[in-house]
């Protein structure tokens, strides 16, 4: 397990982190930690829970202090009573061990894809945002979650299979209509770091398709539609390990679009590809839509196109009746999960 945030703390904050971890692991009703301001204590608890997604049973804390004391008494707020927490801990351990069995001995890439696909195939967005949906309990036992729970579940699974992984968190931005903080993961493959946002990919998948628009992105691509992180994270500078590029699903020439559309129809599958030619201008997009529709009509079909413009990914379904619009714009976000 990577205690990433702990390693970057000052010594006084590390001491608080240790005391918190010991007290919460013991399920103590209260315990003493070195004295800091309430805001600092809250930030340390947040980082502890990002490092340790197995501490899924704490929602917050209050504290008592004496004016001259060097320590404060922390009083955790637990989701369940001690017996139920122990039951959930055992259930989570068994669930995770069962889930990772198929990828034991696989490559790091295969482990990452398996974990990503598990989320996309088995987790739906919890519109009620229940408390456990912010923890690994939501995605791993209930099949519902929000971005925080998904990122924690990805990390818990990665930790168990020995794949380096941390959780990144960004601030909200009301001016852009972004009401909540967002969380995702950073993975290390062959010594390089990559963004992995299973929540955003989950919001885009439809009709049984799995999307990989946010699988192994560099900083430039990821921050086209993500806010800056709250806490520093490793720089992700390699733009060559994105899923579509790695799997040769990136297209740079218009003539290849027609070929791939015909191949997809022969296989009775949707066509998903990333445009990696020049910038995806409005004129370029119109030409791609025309090519897809022409290819579809060759087979007596029509092209129903969805576009994630931020990542230049198009998904085309080949349908029997003309679609209402030339293409549908998709904006990846956790609130679109069904």
Protein backbone atom coordinates (compact mmCIF):
# COMPACT_ATOMS: atom_id res chain seq x y z
CA UNK A 1 0.00 0.00 0.00
CA UNK A 2 1.33 3.44 -0.94
CA UNK A 3 1.12 5.88 2.01
CA UNK A 4 1.66 8.67 -0.48
CA UNK A 5 0.20 11.58 1.44
CA UNK A 6 1.81 10.53 4.71
CA UNK A 7 5.24 10.60 3.11
CA UNK A 8 4.77 14.23 2.12
CA UNK A 9 3.67 15.52 5.51
CA UNK A 10 5.71 17.44 8.05
CA UNK A 11 6.87 15.50 11.11
CA UNK A 12 4.17 17.01 13.40
CA UNK A 13 1.47 16.08 10.89
CA UNK A 14 2.89 12.57 10.55
CA UNK A 15 2.61 12.14 14.32
CA UNK A 16 -1.06 13.10 14.19
CA UNK A 17 -1.58 10.78 11.19
CA UNK A 18 -0.04 7.87 13.15
CA UNK A 19 -2.17 8.57 16.21
CA UNK A 20 -5.32 8.81 14.10
CA UNK A 21 -4.57 5.60 12.25
CA UNK A 22 -3.89 3.70 15.47
CA UNK A 23 -7.03 4.98 17.18
CA UNK A 24 -9.31 4.37 14.19
CA UNK A 25 -7.88 0.92 13.51
CA UNK A 26 -8.60 0.01 17.14
CA UNK A 27 -12.12 1.45 16.77
CA UNK A 28 -11.48 3.49 19.91
CA UNK A 29 -14.39 5.70 21.04
CA UNK A 30 -11.84 8.48 21.64
CA UNK A 31 -8.08 8.90 21.64
CA UNK A 32 -5.38 11.50 22.06
CA UNK A 33 -3.50 13.19 19.20
CA UNK A 34 -0.94 16.01 19.19
CA UNK A 35 -2.62 19.37 19.26
CA UNK A 36 -3.27 21.11 15.95
CA UNK A 37 -5.96 23.42 14.62
CA UNK A 38 -9.26 21.79 13.68
CA UNK A 39 -8.72 22.54 10.00
CA UNK A 40 -5.35 20.77 10.06
CA UNK A 41 -6.84 17.75 11.83
CA UNK A 42 -9.58 17.50 9.20
CA UNK A 43 -7.05 17.69 6.37
CA UNK A 44 -4.89 14.97 7.92
CA UNK A 45 -7.90 12.70 8.37
CA UNK A 46 -8.85 13.26 4.72
CA UNK A 47 -5.35 12.34 3.56
CA UNK A 48 -5.25 9.32 5.86
CA UNK A 49 -8.46 8.03 4.31
CA UNK A 50 -7.07 8.63 0.80
CA UNK A 51 -4.02 6.56 1.71
CA UNK A 52 -6.05 3.89 3.53
CA UNK A 53 -9.39 3.15 1.83
CA UNK A 54 -9.83 0.23 4.24
CA UNK A 55 -10.70 2.85 6.90
CA UNK A 56 -14.18 3.10 5.42
CA UNK A 57 -16.14 3.37 8.62
CA UNK A 58 -15.32 6.94 9.73
CA UNK A 59 -17.34 9.95 8.65
CA UNK A 60 -15.74 12.70 10.72
CA UNK A 61 -14.85 13.68 14.27
CA UNK A 62 -15.28 16.18 17.06
CA UNK A 63 -12.64 16.96 19.64
CA UNK A 64 -12.10 18.24 23.16
CA UNK A 65 -9.16 20.27 24.33
CA UNK A 66 -7.88 21.98 27.42
CA UNK A 67 -6.30 25.42 26.90
CA UNK A 68 -2.85 24.41 28.16
CA UNK A 69 -2.78 20.81 26.91
CA UNK A 70 -0.28 19.60 24.31
CA UNK A 71 -2.79 17.04 22.97
CA UNK A 72 -6.46 17.02 22.01
CA UNK A 73 -8.98 14.24 22.54
CA UNK A 74 -10.38 13.13 19.20
CA UNK A 75 -13.88 11.63 19.17
CA UNK A 76 -14.49 9.78 15.88
CA UNK A 77 -17.88 9.53 14.22
CA UNK A 78 -18.30 5.92 13.11
CA UNK A 79 -20.74 4.72 10.45
CA UNK A 80 -21.61 1.56 12.42
CA UNK A 81 -21.15 0.02 15.83
CA UNK A 82 -17.94 -1.93 16.47
CA UNK A 83 -19.47 -5.35 15.78
CA UNK A 84 -20.91 -4.29 12.44
CA UNK A 85 -17.63 -2.66 11.43
CA UNK A 86 -15.78 -5.93 12.08
CA UNK A 87 -18.37 -7.81 10.02
CA UNK A 88 -17.99 -5.35 7.13
CA UNK A 89 -14.19 -5.55 7.36
CA UNK A 90 -14.24 -9.31 6.96
CA UNK A 91 -16.76 -9.10 4.13
CA UNK A 92 -14.64 -6.49 2.31
CA UNK A 93 -11.49 -8.57 2.70
CA UNK A 94 -13.22 -11.65 1.27
CA UNK A 95 -14.83 -9.66 -1.54
CA UNK A 96 -11.55 -8.10 -2.62
CA UNK A 97 -9.69 -11.43 -2.52
CA UNK A 98 -12.39 -12.99 -4.68
CA UNK A 99 -12.35 -10.12 -7.16
CA UNK A 100 -8.59 -10.14 -7.72
CA UNK A 101 -8.25 -13.89 -8.21
CA UNK A 102 -8.55 -13.72 -12.02
CA UNK A 103 -5.65 -11.23 -12.33
CA UNK A 104 -3.07 -12.82 -10.07
CA UNK A 105 0.18 -13.04 -12.03
CA UNK A 106 -1.06 -10.75 -14.82
CA UNK A 107 0.77 -7.67 -16.11
CA UNK A 108 0.19 -4.30 -14.44
CA UNK A 109 -1.67 -3.11 -17.56
CA UNK A 110 -4.01 -6.12 -17.41
CA UNK A 111 -4.60 -5.57 -13.70
CA UNK A 112 -5.47 -1.93 -14.31
CA UNK A 113 -7.86 -2.73 -17.15
CA UNK A 114 -9.58 -5.48 -15.16
CA UNK A 115 -10.17 -3.16 -12.20
CA UNK A 116 -11.37 -0.34 -14.50
CA UNK A 117 -13.74 -2.70 -16.32
CA UNK A 118 -15.11 -4.10 -13.07
CA UNK A 119 -16.16 -0.58 -12.06
CA UNK A 120 -17.67 0.22 -15.46
CA UNK A 121 -19.64 -3.03 -15.62
CA UNK A 122 -20.83 -3.32 -12.03
CA UNK A 123 -21.22 0.12 -10.44
CA UNK A 124 -23.94 2.69 -11.01
CA UNK A 125 -24.14 6.22 -9.70
CA UNK A 126 -25.84 6.70 -6.35
CA UNK A 127 -28.07 9.70 -6.94
CA UNK A 128 -28.97 9.76 -3.25
CA UNK A 129 -25.26 9.99 -2.34
CA UNK A 130 -25.64 7.71 0.68
CA UNK A 131 -22.75 7.86 3.14
CA UNK A 132 -21.41 4.39 2.28
CA UNK A 133 -21.26 5.37 -1.41
CA UNK A 134 -18.28 7.58 -0.52
CA UNK A 135 -16.43 4.49 0.73
CA UNK A 136 -15.40 1.11 -0.69
CA UNK A 137 -18.61 -0.39 0.71
CA UNK A 138 -20.67 1.29 -2.02
CA UNK A 139 -18.99 -0.04 -5.17
CA UNK A 140 -17.70 -3.33 -3.72
CA UNK A 141 -20.76 -4.52 -1.82
CA UNK A 142 -23.76 -2.47 -3.00
CA UNK A 143 -22.93 -1.79 -6.65
CA UNK A 144 -23.56 1.93 -6.20
CA UNK A 145 -21.13 4.76 -5.60
CA UNK A 146 -19.98 8.30 -6.19
CA UNK A 147 -16.54 9.28 -7.46
CA UNK A 148 -14.91 9.13 -4.03
CA UNK A 149 -16.05 5.58 -3.39
CA UNK A 150 -14.99 4.48 -6.87
CA UNK A 151 -11.50 5.98 -6.49
CA UNK A 152 -11.11 4.33 -3.10
CA UNK A 153 -12.27 0.97 -4.47
CA UNK A 154 -9.79 1.23 -7.36
CA UNK A 155 -6.99 1.95 -4.90
CA UNK A 156 -8.02 -0.87 -2.56
CA UNK A 157 -7.96 -3.36 -5.44
CA UNK A 158 -4.68 -1.99 -6.83
CA UNK A 159 -3.06 -2.15 -3.39
CA UNK A 160 -4.05 -5.79 -3.06
CA UNK A 161 -2.56 -6.81 -6.43
CA UNK A 162 0.61 -4.76 -5.95
CA UNK A 163 -0.16 -2.07 -8.52
CA UNK A 164 1.04 1.38 -7.42
CA UNK A 165 -1.94 3.67 -7.09
CA UNK A 166 -2.98 6.84 -5.30
CA UNK A 167 -6.15 8.92 -5.14
CA UNK A 168 -6.16 12.44 -6.58
CA UNK A 169 -8.72 14.99 -5.48
CA UNK A 170 -9.71 18.30 -7.06
CA UNK A 171 -11.69 21.23 -5.74
CA UNK A 172 -15.15 22.21 -6.90
CA UNK A 173 -15.67 25.21 -9.18
CA UNK A 174 -19.11 26.82 -8.87
CA UNK A 175 -18.31 29.30 -11.66
CA UNK A 176 -18.15 26.35 -14.06
CA UNK A 177 -21.15 24.63 -12.49
CA UNK A 178 -18.95 22.07 -10.73
CA UNK A 179 -20.63 21.72 -7.35
CA UNK A 180 -18.51 19.04 -5.73
CA UNK A 181 -14.94 17.92 -5.35
CA UNK A 182 -13.93 15.14 -7.71
CA UNK A 183 -11.65 12.15 -7.09
CA UNK A 184 -9.86 9.78 -9.44
CA UNK A 185 -6.65 7.73 -9.44
CA UNK A 186 -3.06 7.94 -10.58
CA UNK A 187 -1.37 4.68 -11.59
CA UNK A 188 2.32 3.94 -12.08
CA UNK A 189 3.32 1.73 -15.00
CA UNK A 190 6.98 1.05 -15.83
CA UNK A 191 8.09 3.98 -13.70
CA UNK A 192 5.74 6.54 -15.29
CA UNK A 193 2.54 8.01 -13.91
CA UNK A 194 -0.90 8.11 -15.56
CA UNK A 195 -4.35 9.42 -14.68
CA UNK A 196 -7.18 6.88 -14.48
CA UNK A 197 -10.73 8.16 -13.99
CA UNK A 198 -13.05 5.17 -13.87
CA UNK A 199 -15.95 7.39 -12.77
CA UNK A 200 -15.79 9.52 -15.92
CA UNK A 201 -15.48 6.44 -18.15
CA UNK A 202 -18.43 4.87 -16.36
CA UNK A 203 -20.53 7.95 -17.10
CA UNK A 204 -19.89 7.57 -20.85
CA UNK A 205 -20.50 3.86 -21.34
CA UNK A 206 -23.86 2.91 -22.81
CA UNK A 207 -25.43 -0.11 -24.41
CA UNK A 208 -22.93 -2.43 -22.77
CA UNK A 209 -19.92 -0.58 -24.20
CA UNK A 210 -16.96 0.20 -21.96
CA UNK A 211 -15.26 3.52 -22.57
CA UNK A 212 -11.58 4.26 -21.99
CA UNK A 213 -11.50 8.01 -22.59
CA UNK A 214 -9.82 8.54 -19.21
CA UNK A 215 -7.55 5.49 -19.12
CA UNK A 216 -3.85 6.41 -18.70
CA UNK A 217 -3.99 10.09 -19.60
CA UNK A 218 -1.22 12.61 -19.19
CA UNK A 219 -1.73 15.93 -17.44
CA UNK A 220 -2.44 17.83 -20.66
CA UNK A 221 -5.32 15.54 -21.63
CA UNK A 222 -6.77 15.03 -18.16
CA UNK A 223 -6.96 18.67 -17.17
CA UNK A 224 -8.94 19.61 -20.24
CA UNK A 225 -12.00 18.77 -18.17
CA UNK A 226 -10.71 18.31 -14.61
CA UNK A 227 -10.04 21.01 -12.04
CA UNK A 228 -6.57 21.40 -10.44
CA UNK A 229 -5.75 19.04 -7.58
CA UNK A 230 -5.95 20.12 -3.94
CA UNK A 231 -2.85 18.18 -2.86
CA UNK A 232 0.27 17.80 -5.05
CA UNK A 233 0.50 14.58 -7.07
CA UNK A 234 3.16 13.16 -9.40
CA UNK A 235 3.43 14.75 -12.84
CA UNK A 236 1.88 12.59 -15.56
CA UNK A 237 3.94 13.50 -18.62
CA UNK A 238 3.68 10.46 -20.89
CA UNK A 239 0.88 10.79 -23.44
CA UNK A 240 1.65 7.53 -25.23
CA UNK A 241 -0.06 4.95 -23.00
CA UNK A 242 -3.66 6.05 -23.39
CA UNK A 243 -5.97 3.12 -24.07
CA UNK A 244 -7.03 4.10 -27.58
CA UNK A 245 -3.50 4.76 -28.69
CA UNK A 246 -2.19 1.57 -27.06
CA UNK A 247 -4.95 -0.56 -28.62
CA UNK A 248 -4.64 1.08 -32.06
CA UNK A 249 -8.08 2.66 -31.77
CA UNK A 250 -6.73 6.14 -32.46
CA UNK A 251 -7.40 7.52 -35.94
CA UNK A 252 -5.35 10.18 -37.74
CA UNK A 253 -6.73 9.91 -41.30
CA UNK A 254 -10.30 10.43 -42.48
CA UNK A 255 -10.15 7.49 -44.88
CA UNK A 256 -9.56 5.16 -41.93
CA UNK A 257 -12.90 6.17 -40.41
CA UNK A 258 -14.84 4.57 -43.27
CA UNK A 259 -12.84 1.35 -43.06
CA UNK A 260 -13.34 1.07 -39.32
CA UNK A 261 -17.07 1.81 -39.60
CA UNK A 262 -17.53 -0.99 -42.15
CA UNK A 263 -15.52 -3.39 -39.97
CA UNK A 264 -17.63 -2.51 -36.91
CA UNK A 265 -20.86 -3.15 -38.81
CA UNK A 266 -19.60 -6.53 -40.04
CA UNK A 267 -18.94 -7.45 -36.42
CA UNK A 268 -22.30 -5.95 -35.36
CA UNK A 269 -20.53 -3.69 -32.87
CA UNK A 270 -20.49 0.04 -32.20
CA UNK A 271 -17.43 1.94 -33.39
CA UNK A 272 -15.44 3.76 -30.72
CA UNK A 273 -12.32 5.64 -31.68
CA UNK A 274 -10.23 8.64 -30.73
CA UNK A 275 -9.41 11.28 -33.31
CA UNK A 276 -5.69 12.01 -33.07
CA UNK A 277 -5.18 13.88 -36.31
CA UNK A 278 -5.20 17.65 -36.26
CA UNK A 279 -7.40 19.59 -33.86
CA UNK A 280 -11.02 18.42 -33.93
CA UNK A 281 -12.54 21.57 -35.41
CA UNK A 282 -16.22 21.95 -36.23
CA UNK A 283 -15.46 21.40 -39.94
CA UNK A 284 -13.44 18.28 -39.19
CA UNK A 285 -16.20 16.92 -36.98
CA UNK A 286 -18.80 17.52 -39.71
CA UNK A 287 -16.65 15.61 -42.21
CA UNK A 288 -16.24 12.69 -39.80
CA UNK A 289 -20.01 12.59 -39.22
CA UNK A 290 -20.62 12.58 -42.98
CA UNK A 291 -18.16 9.72 -43.48
CA UNK A 292 -19.75 7.67 -40.72
CA UNK A 293 -23.25 8.24 -42.10
CA UNK A 294 -22.15 7.35 -45.64
CA UNK A 295 -20.54 4.14 -44.42
CA UNK A 296 -23.68 3.29 -42.46
CA UNK A 297 -25.92 3.87 -45.48
CA UNK A 298 -23.82 1.44 -47.52
CA UNK A 299 -25.18 -1.23 -45.17
CA UNK A 300 -28.70 0.17 -44.95
CA UNK A 301 -28.07 1.79 -41.60
CA UNK A 302 -27.67 5.21 -40.05
CA UNK A 303 -24.96 6.57 -37.77
CA UNK A 304 -25.94 7.65 -34.28
CA UNK A 305 -22.87 9.50 -33.04
CA UNK A 306 -21.87 10.57 -29.52
CA UNK A 307 -18.87 12.83 -28.98
CA UNK A 308 -16.69 13.47 -25.94
CA UNK A 309 -15.06 16.60 -27.33
CA UNK A 310 -12.60 17.06 -24.45
CA UNK A 311 -10.90 13.77 -25.33
CA UNK A 312 -11.89 13.71 -29.04
CA UNK A 313 -13.58 10.31 -28.71
CA UNK A 314 -16.52 9.35 -30.93
CA UNK A 315 -18.87 6.45 -30.35
CA UNK A 316 -21.11 5.43 -33.25
CA UNK A 317 -24.09 3.10 -33.04
CA UNK A 318 -25.41 1.81 -36.38
CA UNK A 319 -29.19 1.99 -36.24
CA UNK A 320 -32.10 1.38 -38.63
CA UNK A 321 -33.77 4.80 -38.42
CA UNK A 322 -32.19 8.25 -38.89
CA UNK A 323 -31.12 9.84 -35.58
CA UNK A 324 -32.76 13.06 -34.44
CA UNK A 325 -29.47 14.96 -34.37
CA UNK A 326 -26.22 14.71 -36.32
CA UNK A 327 -24.34 13.94 -33.13
CA UNK A 328 -24.87 14.10 -29.38
CA UNK A 329 -22.32 15.91 -27.25
CA UNK A 330 -21.22 13.94 -24.20
CA UNK A 331 -19.73 15.52 -21.13
CA UNK A 332 -18.15 13.01 -18.80
CA UNK A 333 -19.04 13.49 -15.14
CA UNK A 334 -20.16 11.41 -12.23
CA UNK A 335 -23.70 12.75 -12.28
CA UNK A 336 -24.46 11.09 -15.61
CA UNK A 337 -24.05 7.55 -14.32
CA UNK A 338 -27.18 5.46 -14.60
